[in-house]
Amino acid sequence: MFHFLILALSTGDIDIIKELLYRDPRTQSEEQVEKVIEEILSLPENEEMRKHYLKIN
């Protein structure tokens, strides 16, 4: 699982993060996965992460 995190970080591919969340037993649907990502990326302290994964300049 750790190698997926490294790959997601190095490529900025949000689909890898989504795949990890799909595999997590705490997320049961696509809606939940999208909501988790939205909530995490909307936190002010995650601005750089948001830019990285959403390809915002």
C-alpha atoms as a PDB file:
ATOM      1  CA  MET A   1       0.000   0.000   0.000  1.00  0.00           C
ATOM      2  CA  PHE A   2       2.888   2.325   0.800  1.00  0.00           C
ATOM      3  CA  HIS A   3       4.168   2.182  -2.780  1.00  0.00           C
ATOM      4  CA  PHE A   4       0.780   3.465  -3.984  1.00  0.00           C
ATOM      5  CA  LEU A   5       1.130   6.498  -1.719  1.00  0.00           C
ATOM      6  CA  ILE A   6       4.613   7.225  -3.074  1.00  0.00           C
ATOM      7  CA  LEU A   7       3.332   6.851  -6.641  1.00  0.00           C
ATOM      8  CA  ALA A   8       0.380   9.175  -5.960  1.00  0.00           C
ATOM      9  CA  LEU A   9       2.644  11.767  -4.394  1.00  0.00           C
ATOM     10  CA  SER A  10       5.262  11.653  -7.140  1.00  0.00           C
ATOM     11  CA  THR A  11       2.771  11.743 -10.024  1.00  0.00           C
ATOM     12  CA  GLY A  12       0.002  13.872  -8.526  1.00  0.00           C
ATOM     13  CA  ASP A  13      -2.494  11.268  -9.758  1.00  0.00           C
ATOM     14  CA  ILE A  14      -5.625  11.667  -7.664  1.00  0.00           C
ATOM     15  CA  ASP A  15      -7.024   8.441  -9.122  1.00  0.00           C
ATOM     16  CA  ILE A  16      -4.428   6.517  -7.107  1.00  0.00           C
ATOM     17  CA  ILE A  17      -5.700   8.184  -3.935  1.00  0.00           C
ATOM     18  CA  LYS A  18      -9.246   7.272  -4.950  1.00  0.00           C
ATOM     19  CA  GLU A  19      -8.222   3.646  -5.501  1.00  0.00           C
ATOM     20  CA  LEU A  20      -6.720   3.500  -2.021  1.00  0.00           C
ATOM     21  CA  LEU A  21      -9.935   4.896  -0.571  1.00  0.00           C
ATOM     22  CA  TYR A  22     -12.042   2.378  -2.529  1.00  0.00           C
ATOM     23  CA  ARG A  23     -10.002  -0.392  -0.886  1.00  0.00           C
ATOM     24  CA  ASP A  24     -10.455   1.080   2.592  1.00  0.00           C
ATOM     25  CA  PRO A  25     -13.304  -0.666   4.435  1.00  0.00           C
ATOM     26  CA  ARG A  26     -14.433   2.665   5.897  1.00  0.00           C
ATOM     27  CA  THR A  27     -15.482   3.940   2.471  1.00  0.00           C
ATOM     28  CA  GLN A  28     -18.348   1.947   1.012  1.00  0.00           C
ATOM     29  CA  SER A  29     -19.247   3.890  -2.120  1.00  0.00           C
ATOM     30  CA  GLU A  30     -17.948   6.210  -4.810  1.00  0.00           C
ATOM     31  CA  GLU A  31     -19.913   9.013  -3.150  1.00  0.00           C
ATOM     32  CA  GLN A  32     -18.058   8.483   0.115  1.00  0.00           C
ATOM     33  CA  VAL A  33     -14.681   8.410  -1.642  1.00  0.00           C
ATOM     34  CA  GLU A  34     -15.423  11.692  -3.423  1.00  0.00           C
ATOM     35  CA  LYS A  35     -16.663  13.261  -0.173  1.00  0.00           C
ATOM     36  CA  VAL A  36     -13.529  12.243   1.750  1.00  0.00           C
ATOM     37  CA  ILE A  37     -11.274  13.704  -0.938  1.00  0.00           C
ATOM     38  CA  GLU A  38     -13.342  16.889  -1.108  1.00  0.00           C
ATOM     39  CA  GLU A  39     -13.237  17.343   2.663  1.00  0.00           C
ATOM     40  CA  ILE A  40      -9.497  16.717   2.930  1.00  0.00           C
ATOM     41  CA  LEU A  41      -8.594  18.989   0.023  1.00  0.00           C
ATOM     42  CA  SER A  42     -10.865  21.780   1.264  1.00  0.00           C
ATOM     43  CA  LEU A  43      -8.971  22.176   4.539  1.00  0.00           C
ATOM     44  CA  PRO A  44      -6.957  25.418   4.525  1.00  0.00           C
ATOM     45  CA  GLU A  45      -3.801  23.637   5.665  1.00  0.00           C
ATOM     46  CA  ASN A  46      -4.008  21.358   2.606  1.00  0.00           C
ATOM     47  CA  GLU A  47      -3.802  24.123  -0.002  1.00  0.00           C
ATOM     48  CA  GLU A  48      -0.552  22.792  -1.492  1.00  0.00           C
ATOM     49  CA  MET A  49      -1.984  19.279  -1.634  1.00  0.00           C
ATOM     50  CA  ARG A  50      -5.089  20.614  -3.381  1.00  0.00           C
ATOM     51  CA  LYS A  51      -2.942  22.375  -5.983  1.00  0.00           C
ATOM     52  CA  HIS A  52      -0.819  19.263  -6.500  1.00  0.00           C
ATOM     53  CA  TYR A  53      -3.680  16.825  -7.030  1.00  0.00           C
ATOM     54  CA  LEU A  54      -6.081  19.138  -8.837  1.00  0.00           C
ATOM     55  CA  LYS A  55      -3.307  20.583 -11.026  1.00  0.00           C
ATOM     56  CA  ILE A  56      -4.028  24.166  -9.954  1.00  0.00           C
ATOM     57  CA  ASN A  57      -1.284  26.739 -10.531  1.00  0.00           C
END
